[in-house]
């Protein structure tokens, strides 16, 4: 049986706001290069990114450019809060930034 209920204490790094499934690419800016990163999940202050090579470490800071429809891309720094063995990286936006206006017709 599969359940989505948590039976233990809440993890302090876990997002407590609603999430939306998304499928778009962000650009990671690192060491003078630009790398496409697939985003699969989004909330107001965090996102879930695919990283099949498992190159990220918790606590690392990433600089991202996120596209917005008909607007200038959002550029922000985010902290890696969790890395899974399945190749996903959970990120939290730093500096009070929010992912406002992303997700097309769905306002987050």
C-alpha atoms as a PDB file:
ATOM      1  CA  UNK A   1       0.000   0.000   0.000  1.00  0.00           C
ATOM      2  CA  UNK A   2       1.286   3.460  -0.851  1.00  0.00           C
ATOM      3  CA  UNK A   3       0.455   6.483   1.258  1.00  0.00           C
ATOM      4  CA  UNK A   4       1.342  10.169   1.063  1.00  0.00           C
ATOM      5  CA  UNK A   5       0.993  10.696   4.790  1.00  0.00           C
ATOM      6  CA  UNK A   6       4.121  11.280   6.873  1.00  0.00           C
ATOM      7  CA  UNK A   7       4.294   9.324  10.094  1.00  0.00           C
ATOM      8  CA  UNK A   8       7.354  10.938  11.637  1.00  0.00           C
ATOM      9  CA  UNK A   9       8.467  14.423  12.601  1.00  0.00           C
ATOM     10  CA  UNK A  10       8.578  16.946   9.769  1.00  0.00           C
ATOM     11  CA  UNK A  11      11.941  17.571   8.165  1.00  0.00           C
ATOM     12  CA  UNK A  12      12.817  21.291   8.642  1.00  0.00           C
ATOM     13  CA  UNK A  13      14.153  21.446   5.052  1.00  0.00           C
ATOM     14  CA  UNK A  14      10.875  20.178   3.622  1.00  0.00           C
ATOM     15  CA  UNK A  15       8.699  22.733   1.827  1.00  0.00           C
ATOM     16  CA  UNK A  16       5.384  23.361   3.563  1.00  0.00           C
ATOM     17  CA  UNK A  17       3.651  25.213   0.713  1.00  0.00           C
ATOM     18  CA  UNK A  18       1.767  23.769  -2.263  1.00  0.00           C
ATOM     19  CA  UNK A  19       3.666  22.401  -5.238  1.00  0.00           C
ATOM     20  CA  UNK A  20       2.918  22.087  -8.922  1.00  0.00           C
ATOM     21  CA  UNK A  21       4.241  19.578 -11.412  1.00  0.00           C
ATOM     22  CA  UNK A  22       5.987  21.420 -14.228  1.00  0.00           C
ATOM     23  CA  UNK A  23       8.227  20.526 -17.127  1.00  0.00           C
ATOM     24  CA  UNK A  24      10.587  23.240 -18.348  1.00  0.00           C
ATOM     25  CA  UNK A  25      14.285  24.012 -18.528  1.00  0.00           C
ATOM     26  CA  UNK A  26      16.223  26.476 -16.423  1.00  0.00           C
ATOM     27  CA  UNK A  27      19.760  27.629 -17.088  1.00  0.00           C
ATOM     28  CA  UNK A  28      22.442  27.076 -14.456  1.00  0.00           C
ATOM     29  CA  UNK A  29      25.196  29.687 -14.630  1.00  0.00           C
ATOM     30  CA  UNK A  30      28.446  28.211 -13.286  1.00  0.00           C
ATOM     31  CA  UNK A  31      32.152  28.848 -13.915  1.00  0.00           C
ATOM     32  CA  UNK A  32      31.492  30.978 -16.978  1.00  0.00           C
ATOM     33  CA  UNK A  33      29.273  28.287 -18.564  1.00  0.00           C
ATOM     34  CA  UNK A  34      25.533  27.923 -19.024  1.00  0.00           C
ATOM     35  CA  UNK A  35      23.916  24.510 -18.504  1.00  0.00           C
ATOM     36  CA  UNK A  36      20.330  23.418 -19.149  1.00  0.00           C
ATOM     37  CA  UNK A  37      18.609  21.890 -16.111  1.00  0.00           C
ATOM     38  CA  UNK A  38      15.179  20.240 -16.260  1.00  0.00           C
ATOM     39  CA  UNK A  39      12.724  21.456 -13.603  1.00  0.00           C
ATOM     40  CA  UNK A  40       9.964  18.986 -12.685  1.00  0.00           C
ATOM     41  CA  UNK A  41       8.326  20.442  -9.571  1.00  0.00           C
ATOM     42  CA  UNK A  42       7.805  24.005  -8.335  1.00  0.00           C
ATOM     43  CA  UNK A  43       6.485  25.863  -5.288  1.00  0.00           C
ATOM     44  CA  UNK A  44       6.644  29.541  -4.309  1.00  0.00           C
ATOM     45  CA  UNK A  45      10.094  29.239  -2.736  1.00  0.00           C
ATOM     46  CA  UNK A  46      11.571  25.965  -3.998  1.00  0.00           C
ATOM     47  CA  UNK A  47      11.935  23.647  -6.939  1.00  0.00           C
ATOM     48  CA  UNK A  48      12.942  20.119  -7.877  1.00  0.00           C
ATOM     49  CA  UNK A  49      15.570  19.716 -10.583  1.00  0.00           C
ATOM     50  CA  UNK A  50      16.850  16.630 -12.385  1.00  0.00           C
ATOM     51  CA  UNK A  51      20.567  15.872 -12.082  1.00  0.00           C
ATOM     52  CA  UNK A  52      21.183  12.316 -13.285  1.00  0.00           C
ATOM     53  CA  UNK A  53      24.941  12.675 -12.770  1.00  0.00           C
ATOM     54  CA  UNK A  54      24.477  13.445  -9.032  1.00  0.00           C
ATOM     55  CA  UNK A  55      27.023  16.266  -9.120  1.00  0.00           C
ATOM     56  CA  UNK A  56      25.325  18.517  -6.535  1.00  0.00           C
ATOM     57  CA  UNK A  57      25.890  18.438  -2.768  1.00  0.00           C
ATOM     58  CA  UNK A  58      23.568  19.705   0.009  1.00  0.00           C
ATOM     59  CA  UNK A  59      24.514  23.240   1.036  1.00  0.00           C
ATOM     60  CA  UNK A  60      25.866  24.180  -2.404  1.00  0.00           C
ATOM     61  CA  UNK A  61      24.681  27.466  -3.910  1.00  0.00           C
ATOM     62  CA  UNK A  62      23.521  27.510  -7.540  1.00  0.00           C
ATOM     63  CA  UNK A  63      22.795  30.505  -9.757  1.00  0.00           C
ATOM     64  CA  UNK A  64      19.786  29.937 -12.034  1.00  0.00           C
ATOM     65  CA  UNK A  65      17.929  31.737 -14.806  1.00  0.00           C
ATOM     66  CA  UNK A  66      14.278  30.700 -14.976  1.00  0.00           C
ATOM     67  CA  UNK A  67      12.102  31.594 -17.975  1.00  0.00           C
ATOM     68  CA  UNK A  68       8.849  33.529 -17.625  1.00  0.00           C
ATOM     69  CA  UNK A  69       6.246  33.816 -20.362  1.00  0.00           C
ATOM     70  CA  UNK A  70       6.456  37.214 -22.097  1.00  0.00           C
ATOM     71  CA  UNK A  71       8.880  38.653 -19.532  1.00  0.00           C
ATOM     72  CA  UNK A  72      12.523  38.921 -18.546  1.00  0.00           C
ATOM     73  CA  UNK A  73      13.872  35.655 -17.059  1.00  0.00           C
ATOM     74  CA  UNK A  74      14.157  35.434 -13.267  1.00  0.00           C
ATOM     75  CA  UNK A  75      17.789  35.233 -12.121  1.00  0.00           C
ATOM     76  CA  UNK A  76      18.391  34.016  -8.585  1.00  0.00           C
ATOM     77  CA  UNK A  77      20.571  32.022  -6.253  1.00  0.00           C
ATOM     78  CA  UNK A  78      19.278  28.837  -4.672  1.00  0.00           C
ATOM     79  CA  UNK A  79      20.611  26.461  -2.022  1.00  0.00           C
ATOM     80  CA  UNK A  80      20.668  22.699  -2.531  1.00  0.00           C
ATOM     81  CA  UNK A  81      18.707  21.240   0.396  1.00  0.00           C
ATOM     82  CA  UNK A  82      18.392  17.602  -0.679  1.00  0.00           C
ATOM     83  CA  UNK A  83      19.880  15.246  -3.269  1.00  0.00           C
ATOM     84  CA  UNK A  84      18.182  11.908  -3.969  1.00  0.00           C
ATOM     85  CA  UNK A  85      19.747   8.734  -5.310  1.00  0.00           C
ATOM     86  CA  UNK A  86      17.180   8.851  -8.141  1.00  0.00           C
ATOM     87  CA  UNK A  87      18.824  11.935  -9.620  1.00  0.00           C
ATOM     88  CA  UNK A  88      16.696  14.764  -8.206  1.00  0.00           C
ATOM     89  CA  UNK A  89      17.934  17.912  -6.473  1.00  0.00           C
ATOM     90  CA  UNK A  90      15.674  19.971  -4.191  1.00  0.00           C
ATOM     91  CA  UNK A  91      16.508  23.690  -4.158  1.00  0.00           C
ATOM     92  CA  UNK A  92      15.344  26.597  -1.979  1.00  0.00           C
ATOM     93  CA  UNK A  93      15.497  30.165  -3.288  1.00  0.00           C
ATOM     94  CA  UNK A  94      17.747  32.503  -1.299  1.00  0.00           C
ATOM     95  CA  UNK A  95      17.320  36.169  -0.451  1.00  0.00           C
ATOM     96  CA  UNK A  96      13.534  36.053  -0.075  1.00  0.00           C
ATOM     97  CA  UNK A  97      13.051  35.477  -3.807  1.00  0.00           C
ATOM     98  CA  UNK A  98       9.884  33.790  -5.018  1.00  0.00           C
ATOM     99  CA  UNK A  99       9.104  32.003  -8.245  1.00  0.00           C
ATOM    100  CA  UNK A 100       6.282  34.418  -9.101  1.00  0.00           C
ATOM    101  CA  UNK A 101       4.950  34.311 -12.650  1.00  0.00           C
ATOM    102  CA  UNK A 102       6.347  30.925 -13.639  1.00  0.00           C
ATOM    103  CA  UNK A 103       4.300  28.002 -14.839  1.00  0.00           C
ATOM    104  CA  UNK A 104       2.420  29.607 -17.716  1.00  0.00           C
ATOM    105  CA  UNK A 105      -1.280  30.105 -17.060  1.00  0.00           C
ATOM    106  CA  UNK A 106      -1.090  28.681 -13.521  1.00  0.00           C
ATOM    107  CA  UNK A 107      -0.168  31.447 -11.059  1.00  0.00           C
ATOM    108  CA  UNK A 108       2.066  30.076  -8.310  1.00  0.00           C
END
